[in-house]
N, C-alpha and C. Protein backbone atom coordinates (compact mmCIF):
# COMPACT_ATOMS: atom_id res chain seq x y z
N MET A 1 140.85 142.21 86.84
CA MET A 1 140.74 140.80 87.00
C MET A 1 139.84 140.58 88.15
N ALA A 2 139.84 141.36 89.24
CA ALA A 2 138.89 141.23 90.21
C ALA A 2 137.53 141.45 90.01
N LEU A 3 137.43 142.66 89.10
CA LEU A 3 136.01 142.94 88.59
C LEU A 3 135.43 141.79 87.77
N ARG A 4 136.26 141.15 86.98
CA ARG A 4 135.76 140.05 86.10
C ARG A 4 135.31 139.00 86.97
N MET A 5 136.07 138.65 88.05
CA MET A 5 135.69 137.43 88.91
C MET A 5 134.31 137.79 89.54
N THR A 6 134.28 139.14 89.95
CA THR A 6 132.91 139.48 90.59
C THR A 6 131.72 139.33 89.74
N THR A 7 131.91 139.64 88.46
CA THR A 7 130.71 139.67 87.53
C THR A 7 130.43 138.19 87.21
N GLN A 8 131.49 137.49 87.21
CA GLN A 8 131.18 135.88 86.97
C GLN A 8 130.64 135.29 88.12
N ARG A 9 131.10 135.64 89.28
CA ARG A 9 130.33 135.03 90.43
C ARG A 9 128.93 135.62 90.57
N ARG A 10 128.67 136.79 90.26
CA ARG A 10 127.23 137.33 90.27
C ARG A 10 126.39 136.58 89.15
N ALA A 11 126.96 136.36 88.03
CA ALA A 11 126.28 135.67 86.95
C ALA A 11 125.84 134.28 87.41
N LEU A 12 126.93 133.53 88.07
CA LEU A 12 126.70 132.18 88.42
C LEU A 12 125.56 132.27 89.68
N GLN A 13 125.77 133.22 90.42
CA GLN A 13 124.93 133.25 91.60
C GLN A 13 123.38 133.51 91.05
N GLY A 14 123.35 134.39 90.04
CA GLY A 14 121.94 134.69 89.57
C GLY A 14 121.32 133.28 88.81
N LEU A 15 122.31 132.78 88.12
CA LEU A 15 121.81 131.36 87.38
C LEU A 15 121.39 130.37 88.51
N GLY A 16 122.17 130.25 89.52
CA GLY A 16 121.70 129.41 90.62
C GLY A 16 120.42 129.72 91.28
N ASN A 17 120.24 131.06 91.54
CA ASN A 17 118.98 131.43 92.07
C ASN A 17 117.88 131.18 91.09
N GLY A 18 118.04 131.37 89.84
CA GLY A 18 117.11 131.04 88.85
C GLY A 18 116.63 129.48 88.87
N VAL A 19 117.75 128.72 89.03
CA VAL A 19 117.34 127.28 88.98
C VAL A 19 116.53 127.10 90.24
N LEU A 20 116.85 127.69 91.37
CA LEU A 20 116.13 127.39 92.63
C LEU A 20 114.65 127.74 92.50
N VAL A 21 114.53 128.91 91.84
CA VAL A 21 113.11 129.45 91.71
C VAL A 21 112.39 128.48 90.93
N LEU A 22 113.03 127.91 89.63
CA LEU A 22 112.36 126.90 88.90
C LEU A 22 111.98 125.68 89.62
N MET A 23 112.99 125.28 90.51
CA MET A 23 112.61 124.05 91.40
C MET A 23 111.41 124.36 92.22
N LEU A 24 111.49 125.58 92.94
CA LEU A 24 110.40 125.81 93.80
C LEU A 24 109.04 125.88 93.13
N LEU A 25 109.00 126.45 91.94
CA LEU A 25 107.66 126.44 91.18
C LEU A 25 107.41 125.04 90.74
N TRP A 26 108.21 124.22 90.42
CA TRP A 26 107.97 122.73 90.02
C TRP A 26 107.35 122.03 91.02
N THR A 27 107.73 122.33 92.40
CA THR A 27 107.39 121.57 93.45
C THR A 27 106.07 122.25 93.96
N ALA A 28 105.87 123.54 93.95
CA ALA A 28 104.70 124.18 94.52
C ALA A 28 103.58 124.29 93.86
N ILE A 29 103.51 124.17 92.47
CA ILE A 29 102.37 124.46 91.59
C ILE A 29 101.61 123.05 91.70
N PRO A 30 101.94 121.86 91.79
CA PRO A 30 101.14 120.72 92.16
C PRO A 30 100.29 120.74 93.29
N PHE A 31 100.93 121.40 94.37
CA PHE A 31 100.22 121.51 95.70
C PHE A 31 99.05 122.66 95.62
N TYR A 32 99.48 123.70 94.93
CA TYR A 32 98.49 124.83 94.79
C TYR A 32 97.33 124.23 93.82
N TRP A 33 97.65 123.49 92.79
CA TRP A 33 96.61 122.98 92.01
C TRP A 33 95.63 121.80 92.72
N MET A 34 96.33 121.15 93.69
CA MET A 34 95.53 120.18 94.38
C MET A 34 94.63 120.99 95.30
N ILE A 35 95.05 121.98 95.89
CA ILE A 35 94.20 122.68 96.87
C ILE A 35 93.16 123.46 96.11
N ALA A 36 93.48 124.08 94.99
CA ALA A 36 92.47 124.76 94.32
C ALA A 36 91.38 124.00 93.74
N THR A 37 91.83 122.83 93.30
CA THR A 37 90.79 121.89 92.70
C THR A 37 89.84 121.28 93.77
N SER A 38 90.34 121.18 95.02
CA SER A 38 89.58 120.64 96.11
C SER A 38 88.48 121.65 96.51
N LEU A 39 88.77 122.94 96.23
CA LEU A 39 87.75 123.90 96.53
C LEU A 39 86.74 124.35 95.49
N LYS A 40 86.90 123.54 94.42
CA LYS A 40 85.89 123.82 93.13
C LYS A 40 84.77 122.87 93.21
N HIS A 41 83.69 123.32 92.49
CA HIS A 41 82.51 122.52 92.46
C HIS A 41 82.79 121.43 91.16
N ASP A 42 81.93 120.46 91.16
CA ASP A 42 82.13 119.33 90.15
C ASP A 42 82.09 119.97 88.77
N LYS A 43 81.12 120.86 88.39
CA LYS A 43 81.11 121.43 87.03
C LYS A 43 82.41 122.14 86.69
N GLU A 44 82.89 122.84 87.64
CA GLU A 44 84.13 123.57 87.44
C GLU A 44 85.41 122.59 87.12
N ILE A 45 85.38 121.44 87.95
CA ILE A 45 86.51 120.50 87.79
C ILE A 45 86.35 119.86 86.58
N TYR A 46 85.13 119.35 86.06
CA TYR A 46 85.01 118.59 84.89
C TYR A 46 84.59 119.35 83.64
N GLY A 47 84.79 120.76 83.78
CA GLY A 47 84.40 121.62 82.63
C GLY A 47 85.43 121.53 81.45
N TYR A 48 85.27 122.25 80.42
CA TYR A 48 86.21 122.29 79.32
C TYR A 48 87.38 123.31 79.48
N GLU A 49 87.23 124.21 80.42
CA GLU A 49 88.21 125.17 80.72
C GLU A 49 88.93 125.00 82.08
N ALA A 50 90.09 124.82 82.21
CA ALA A 50 90.82 124.78 83.48
C ALA A 50 91.03 126.12 84.03
N THR A 51 90.60 126.31 85.32
CA THR A 51 90.68 127.52 85.84
C THR A 51 91.80 127.56 86.94
N LEU A 52 92.63 128.52 87.15
CA LEU A 52 93.63 128.59 88.21
C LEU A 52 93.04 128.89 89.54
N ILE A 53 91.99 129.80 89.50
CA ILE A 53 91.50 130.21 90.66
C ILE A 53 90.03 129.63 90.74
N PRO A 54 89.37 129.08 91.70
CA PRO A 54 88.12 128.60 91.88
C PRO A 54 87.21 129.75 91.70
N GLN A 55 86.06 129.69 90.78
CA GLN A 55 85.20 130.78 90.55
C GLN A 55 84.27 130.95 91.89
N ARG A 56 83.66 129.90 92.41
CA ARG A 56 83.01 129.94 93.59
C ARG A 56 83.57 128.85 94.58
N PRO A 57 84.54 129.20 95.40
CA PRO A 57 85.15 128.24 96.26
C PRO A 57 84.13 127.59 97.31
N THR A 58 84.27 126.47 97.49
CA THR A 58 83.34 125.54 98.39
C THR A 58 84.13 124.62 99.37
N LEU A 59 83.59 124.36 100.53
CA LEU A 59 84.19 123.31 101.37
C LEU A 59 83.28 122.11 101.45
N ALA A 60 82.39 122.04 100.42
CA ALA A 60 81.51 120.86 100.40
C ALA A 60 82.19 119.57 100.20
N ASN A 61 83.27 119.65 99.34
CA ASN A 61 84.13 118.42 99.10
C ASN A 61 84.67 117.90 100.35
N TYR A 62 85.21 118.67 101.30
CA TYR A 62 85.78 118.26 102.45
C TYR A 62 84.59 117.49 103.33
N ALA A 63 83.45 118.19 103.34
CA ALA A 63 82.39 117.73 104.18
C ALA A 63 81.97 116.34 103.58
N THR A 64 82.07 116.07 102.35
CA THR A 64 81.71 114.88 101.72
C THR A 64 82.69 113.70 102.17
N VAL A 65 83.97 114.16 102.18
CA VAL A 65 85.01 113.22 102.53
C VAL A 65 84.80 112.75 104.03
N PHE A 66 84.52 113.62 104.94
CA PHE A 66 84.40 113.29 106.33
C PHE A 66 83.19 112.71 106.53
N ARG A 67 82.08 112.90 105.78
CA ARG A 67 80.56 112.31 106.06
C ARG A 67 80.55 110.87 105.37
N GLU A 68 81.09 110.63 104.25
CA GLU A 68 80.87 109.55 103.50
C GLU A 68 81.93 108.46 103.62
N THR A 69 83.17 108.69 104.12
CA THR A 69 84.27 107.76 104.14
C THR A 69 84.66 107.63 105.57
N PRO A 70 85.21 106.51 106.00
CA PRO A 70 85.75 106.51 107.28
C PRO A 70 87.40 107.01 107.41
N TYR A 71 87.29 108.33 107.12
CA TYR A 71 88.68 108.84 107.04
C TYR A 71 89.55 108.87 108.23
N LEU A 72 88.73 109.10 109.24
CA LEU A 72 89.61 108.98 110.65
C LEU A 72 90.14 107.64 111.00
N LEU A 73 89.43 106.58 110.54
CA LEU A 73 90.00 105.16 110.50
C LEU A 73 91.28 105.10 109.63
N TYR A 74 91.21 105.55 108.57
CA TYR A 74 92.32 105.51 107.55
C TYR A 74 93.53 106.31 108.19
N LEU A 75 93.26 107.36 108.78
CA LEU A 75 94.22 108.29 109.37
C LEU A 75 94.93 107.60 110.51
N ARG A 76 94.19 106.95 111.34
CA ARG A 76 94.72 106.16 112.49
C ARG A 76 95.45 105.11 111.99
N ASN A 77 95.14 104.26 110.89
CA ASN A 77 95.82 103.07 110.45
C ASN A 77 97.25 103.61 109.92
N SER A 78 97.19 104.82 109.31
CA SER A 78 98.53 105.18 108.72
C SER A 78 99.41 105.74 109.76
N VAL A 79 98.82 106.30 110.87
CA VAL A 79 99.72 106.76 112.11
C VAL A 79 100.24 105.61 112.72
N VAL A 80 99.55 104.50 112.83
CA VAL A 80 99.97 103.14 113.53
C VAL A 80 101.15 102.60 112.63
N VAL A 81 100.96 102.64 111.46
CA VAL A 81 102.06 102.01 110.52
C VAL A 81 103.25 102.84 110.70
N ALA A 82 103.00 104.13 110.57
CA ALA A 82 104.26 105.11 110.51
C ALA A 82 104.89 104.96 111.89
N VAL A 83 104.26 105.01 112.84
CA VAL A 83 104.97 105.03 114.29
C VAL A 83 105.57 103.63 114.50
N GLY A 84 104.85 102.60 114.09
CA GLY A 84 105.34 101.26 114.28
C GLY A 84 106.75 101.04 113.40
N SER A 85 106.83 101.33 112.27
CA SER A 85 107.88 101.32 111.51
C SER A 85 109.10 102.12 111.83
N THR A 86 108.79 103.28 112.33
CA THR A 86 109.86 104.30 112.83
C THR A 86 110.43 103.63 114.09
N VAL A 87 109.53 103.10 115.07
CA VAL A 87 110.08 102.52 116.17
C VAL A 87 111.06 101.33 115.88
N LEU A 88 110.52 100.37 115.11
CA LEU A 88 111.23 99.19 114.64
C LEU A 88 112.59 99.57 113.99
N SER A 89 112.51 100.62 113.17
CA SER A 89 113.76 100.96 112.49
C SER A 89 114.84 101.52 113.47
N MET A 90 114.35 102.27 114.60
CA MET A 90 115.13 102.80 115.58
C MET A 90 115.80 101.75 116.37
N VAL A 91 114.92 100.75 116.73
CA VAL A 91 115.53 99.65 117.55
C VAL A 91 116.57 98.84 116.84
N ILE A 92 116.23 98.57 115.46
CA ILE A 92 117.28 97.85 114.77
C ILE A 92 118.63 98.61 114.59
N ALA A 93 118.47 99.90 114.29
CA ALA A 93 119.61 100.91 114.09
C ALA A 93 120.34 100.95 115.42
N CYS A 94 119.75 100.99 116.48
CA CYS A 94 120.44 101.17 117.79
C CYS A 94 121.20 99.88 118.13
N LEU A 95 120.67 98.82 117.69
CA LEU A 95 121.44 97.46 117.96
C LEU A 95 122.58 97.34 117.04
N GLY A 96 122.33 97.84 115.74
CA GLY A 96 123.48 97.85 114.85
C GLY A 96 124.50 98.71 115.18
N ALA A 97 124.20 99.91 115.90
CA ALA A 97 125.31 100.76 116.22
C ALA A 97 126.00 100.38 117.30
N TYR A 98 125.34 99.59 118.29
CA TYR A 98 126.01 99.22 119.41
C TYR A 98 126.86 98.04 119.25
N ALA A 99 126.71 97.31 118.22
CA ALA A 99 127.52 96.01 117.84
C ALA A 99 128.78 96.48 117.40
């Protein structure tokens, strides 16, 4: 009886680990695809064949973003909104907790 429970427990643990691995892949693959695509040239991005690994990686796309857009302004605006909403939420939550 004890051997049967251990086998069932191991099977359930293996199944649970398999589900966790699938969830990890489901989450990680889009991030990998985003980073890999950011390192590709335009011809490779818009070509007919999708490649998992960039043939000739380049950082030119990042240089273009920083050179041609006010990226730091957008980043600053996002930080101001995030910090402001966090502080406001904390003040309201503290007042509610004290009441």
